[in-house]
Amino acid sequence: MMRIISGEKRGAKLLAPKGSNTRPTRDRVKESLFNILLNHEFSNSFRHKVVIDAFAGSGALGLEALSRGAAHAIFIENDITAIKTLKKNIGNLGYQQRSKIIKTDASKTMISSTEEAGLIIMDPPYHSNLALPCIEQLEKGGWIGKETILTLEHSSSREPDHLPWLDCIKTQKYGVSSIFFFKRK
């Protein structure tokens, strides 16, 4: 069972999409991700700012950010079953006014922004090679600023490719998966 770990909605249960098209982030990894974001040099990365949850699935990561003080979350997902679950989770938590769902392939299409995101959370399917195209679309859309923190959950078997204008500033390994933290150079 998935749940919100901390913040104003602590303990709230989250639904998971049925089927095998999504791979929910384990609670242990989610808790560690947010502990790193809140207790290290990234402490101001998302509070009172926009968070993007790309490849959102159930929305567990973006909803956790909202519970912990993000101003607004944008969920990018293209699987219709996942979107139905995501809508239910947003409604169950009462976050309709602070959430927006964009039904699209995050690696191909991006809406433009007038505001940079404080935090971008990416959890694409492992071995899909979708992370780089998604980052490029987010950059073209104006979402990645000088202070934006970008996190990528990726297979631990190899370091992900990344663009030359991004620095990998931290890596945290969790068995078969790792979280990579990037920031603009």
Protein backbone atom coordinates (compact mmCIF):
# COMPACT_ATOMS: atom_id res chain seq x y z
CA MET A 1 0.00 0.00 0.00
CA MET A 2 1.25 3.46 -0.89
CA ARG A 3 0.77 6.43 1.38
CA ILE A 4 1.77 10.03 1.99
CA ILE A 5 4.74 9.86 4.35
CA SER A 6 4.86 13.35 5.85
CA GLY A 7 3.35 16.81 5.84
CA GLU A 8 -0.25 17.98 6.07
CA LYS A 9 -1.65 14.74 4.55
CA ARG A 10 0.65 12.35 6.43
CA GLY A 11 -0.66 8.79 6.47
CA ALA A 12 -3.20 9.31 3.67
CA LYS A 13 -3.52 6.24 1.48
CA LEU A 14 -2.80 6.42 -2.24
CA LEU A 15 -4.25 4.23 -4.95
CA ALA A 16 -1.93 2.51 -7.43
CA PRO A 17 -2.78 2.03 -11.11
CA LYS A 18 -3.74 -1.51 -12.02
CA GLY A 19 -1.56 -3.38 -14.49
CA SER A 20 2.15 -3.39 -15.17
CA ASN A 21 2.56 -0.13 -17.09
CA THR A 22 3.73 1.76 -14.00
CA ARG A 23 6.31 1.03 -11.31
CA PRO A 24 5.48 2.94 -8.12
CA THR A 25 8.42 4.34 -6.18
CA ARG A 26 8.86 2.39 -2.94
CA ASP A 27 8.04 4.30 0.26
CA ARG A 28 11.61 3.87 1.51
CA VAL A 29 13.01 5.52 -1.62
CA LYS A 30 10.36 8.27 -1.55
CA GLU A 31 11.06 9.02 2.12
CA SER A 32 14.80 9.15 1.50
CA LEU A 33 14.35 11.39 -1.55
CA PHE A 34 12.36 13.95 0.43
CA ASN A 35 14.68 13.72 3.45
CA ILE A 36 17.59 14.60 1.16
CA LEU A 37 15.61 17.44 -0.42
CA LEU A 38 14.58 18.88 2.94
CA ASN A 39 17.73 18.34 4.98
CA HIS A 40 20.58 19.18 2.65
CA GLU A 41 21.57 22.00 0.36
CA PHE A 42 18.31 21.52 -1.54
CA SER A 43 16.10 22.59 1.38
CA ASN A 44 14.42 25.43 -0.53
CA SER A 45 13.97 23.48 -3.75
CA PHE A 46 10.20 23.04 -3.67
CA ARG A 47 8.46 24.66 -0.70
CA HIS A 48 6.09 27.34 -2.00
CA LYS A 49 7.20 26.55 -5.58
CA VAL A 50 6.00 24.61 -8.60
CA VAL A 51 6.89 20.90 -8.71
CA ILE A 52 6.75 18.81 -11.88
CA ASP A 53 6.14 15.07 -11.53
CA ALA A 54 7.07 13.68 -14.96
CA PHE A 55 6.03 10.09 -15.74
CA ALA A 56 3.71 10.63 -12.77
CA GLY A 57 1.88 7.30 -12.58
CA SER A 58 -0.18 7.48 -9.37
CA GLY A 59 1.27 10.92 -8.60
CA ALA A 60 2.80 9.70 -5.33
CA LEU A 61 5.92 11.87 -5.63
CA GLY A 62 4.17 15.09 -6.64
CA LEU A 63 1.47 14.54 -4.01
CA GLU A 64 4.16 14.01 -1.37
CA ALA A 65 5.69 17.34 -2.44
CA LEU A 66 2.30 19.06 -2.09
CA SER A 67 1.81 17.56 1.36
CA ARG A 68 5.23 18.91 2.33
CA GLY A 69 4.60 22.46 1.16
CA ALA A 70 4.89 22.76 -2.62
CA ALA A 71 2.67 25.53 -3.98
CA HIS A 72 1.48 23.67 -7.06
CA ALA A 73 2.17 20.35 -8.81
CA ILE A 74 2.08 19.56 -12.49
CA PHE A 75 1.67 15.86 -13.25
CA ILE A 76 2.77 14.65 -16.69
CA GLU A 77 1.44 11.23 -17.66
CA ASN A 78 0.15 9.60 -20.84
CA ASP A 79 -1.24 6.28 -19.59
CA ILE A 80 -5.02 6.60 -19.27
CA THR A 81 -5.28 4.06 -16.43
CA ALA A 82 -2.61 5.91 -14.46
CA ILE A 83 -4.36 9.24 -15.12
CA LYS A 84 -7.66 7.89 -13.74
CA THR A 85 -5.85 6.77 -10.58
CA LEU A 86 -3.98 10.07 -10.36
CA LYS A 87 -7.25 12.04 -10.56
CA LYS A 88 -8.71 9.93 -7.74
CA ASN A 89 -5.62 10.47 -5.58
CA ILE A 90 -5.69 14.23 -6.16
CA GLY A 91 -9.40 14.33 -5.32
CA ASN A 92 -9.07 12.14 -2.23
CA LEU A 93 -6.39 14.50 -0.86
CA GLY A 94 -8.30 17.66 -1.80
CA TYR A 95 -5.49 18.98 -4.00
CA GLN A 96 -7.58 19.83 -7.09
CA GLN A 97 -6.78 23.56 -6.85
CA ARG A 98 -3.04 22.96 -6.49
CA SER A 99 -2.70 20.31 -9.20
CA LYS A 100 -2.69 20.15 -12.96
CA ILE A 101 -2.54 16.98 -15.06
CA ILE A 102 -1.02 17.16 -18.52
CA LYS A 103 -1.88 14.11 -20.62
CA THR A 104 1.11 13.79 -22.90
CA ASP A 105 4.29 11.88 -23.54
CA ALA A 106 6.78 13.86 -21.44
CA SER A 107 9.57 13.05 -23.88
CA LYS A 108 7.82 14.56 -26.91
CA THR A 109 5.63 17.50 -25.95
CA MET A 110 5.90 20.21 -23.35
CA ILE A 111 3.87 23.26 -22.53
CA SER A 112 5.66 26.55 -22.10
CA SER A 113 6.02 28.18 -18.73
CA THR A 114 6.48 31.69 -17.44
CA GLU A 115 7.63 30.28 -14.09
CA GLU A 116 10.58 27.98 -13.42
CA ALA A 117 9.95 24.82 -11.42
CA GLY A 118 11.65 24.51 -8.05
CA LEU A 119 11.77 20.73 -8.36
CA ILE A 120 11.37 18.31 -11.24
CA ILE A 121 10.88 14.66 -10.30
CA MET A 122 11.39 12.13 -13.07
CA ASP A 123 10.75 8.41 -12.72
CA PRO A 124 10.62 7.08 -16.29
CA PRO A 125 10.46 3.37 -17.05
CA TYR A 126 13.93 1.87 -16.58
CA HIS A 127 15.91 1.31 -19.79
CA SER A 128 13.40 3.43 -21.74
CA ASN A 129 15.79 6.24 -22.78
CA LEU A 130 13.01 8.75 -22.14
CA ALA A 131 14.81 10.88 -19.54
CA LEU A 132 17.00 12.93 -21.91
CA PRO A 133 14.20 13.83 -24.34
CA CYS A 134 12.00 14.79 -21.38
CA ILE A 135 14.71 17.03 -19.93
CA GLU A 136 15.15 18.67 -23.34
CA GLN A 137 11.41 19.36 -23.57
CA LEU A 138 11.34 20.80 -20.04
CA GLU A 139 14.27 23.05 -20.95
CA LYS A 140 12.57 24.22 -24.16
CA GLY A 141 9.42 24.96 -22.15
CA GLY A 142 11.32 27.22 -19.74
CA TRP A 143 10.80 25.02 -16.68
CA ILE A 144 14.47 24.50 -15.76
CA GLY A 145 16.06 27.50 -14.08
CA LYS A 146 19.36 28.14 -12.36
CA GLU A 147 17.97 26.98 -8.99
CA THR A 148 15.82 24.09 -10.25
CA ILE A 149 16.65 20.69 -8.77
CA LEU A 150 15.99 17.79 -11.12
CA THR A 151 15.78 14.28 -9.68
CA LEU A 152 15.88 11.14 -11.78
CA GLU A 153 15.14 7.64 -10.52
CA HIS A 154 17.16 5.29 -12.69
CA SER A 155 18.55 1.77 -12.71
CA SER A 156 21.67 1.43 -10.55
CA SER A 157 23.30 -0.71 -13.21
CA ARG A 158 24.62 2.37 -15.00
CA GLU A 159 24.72 6.14 -14.63
CA PRO A 160 22.14 7.88 -16.80
CA ASP A 161 23.16 9.98 -19.75
CA HIS A 162 22.70 13.66 -19.09
CA LEU A 163 23.05 16.90 -20.96
CA PRO A 164 26.30 18.91 -20.84
CA TRP A 165 24.61 21.88 -19.17
CA LEU A 166 23.58 19.77 -16.16
CA ASP A 167 25.77 18.76 -13.22
CA CYS A 168 25.07 15.56 -11.31
CA ILE A 169 25.43 16.93 -7.78
CA LYS A 170 24.40 13.87 -5.76
CA THR A 171 23.62 10.19 -6.22
CA GLN A 172 21.83 7.95 -3.74
CA LYS A 173 21.66 4.19 -4.36
CA TYR A 174 18.78 1.94 -3.23
CA GLY A 175 19.52 -1.59 -4.43
CA VAL A 176 18.51 -1.86 -8.09
CA SER A 177 17.57 1.81 -8.34
CA SER A 178 19.38 5.07 -7.71
CA ILE A 179 18.26 8.67 -7.49
CA PHE A 180 20.41 11.20 -9.30
CA PHE A 181 20.20 14.89 -8.42
CA PHE A 182 20.98 17.40 -11.16
CA LYS A 183 21.30 21.16 -11.30
CA ARG A 184 22.10 23.57 -14.11
CA LYS A 185 25.82 24.41 -14.37
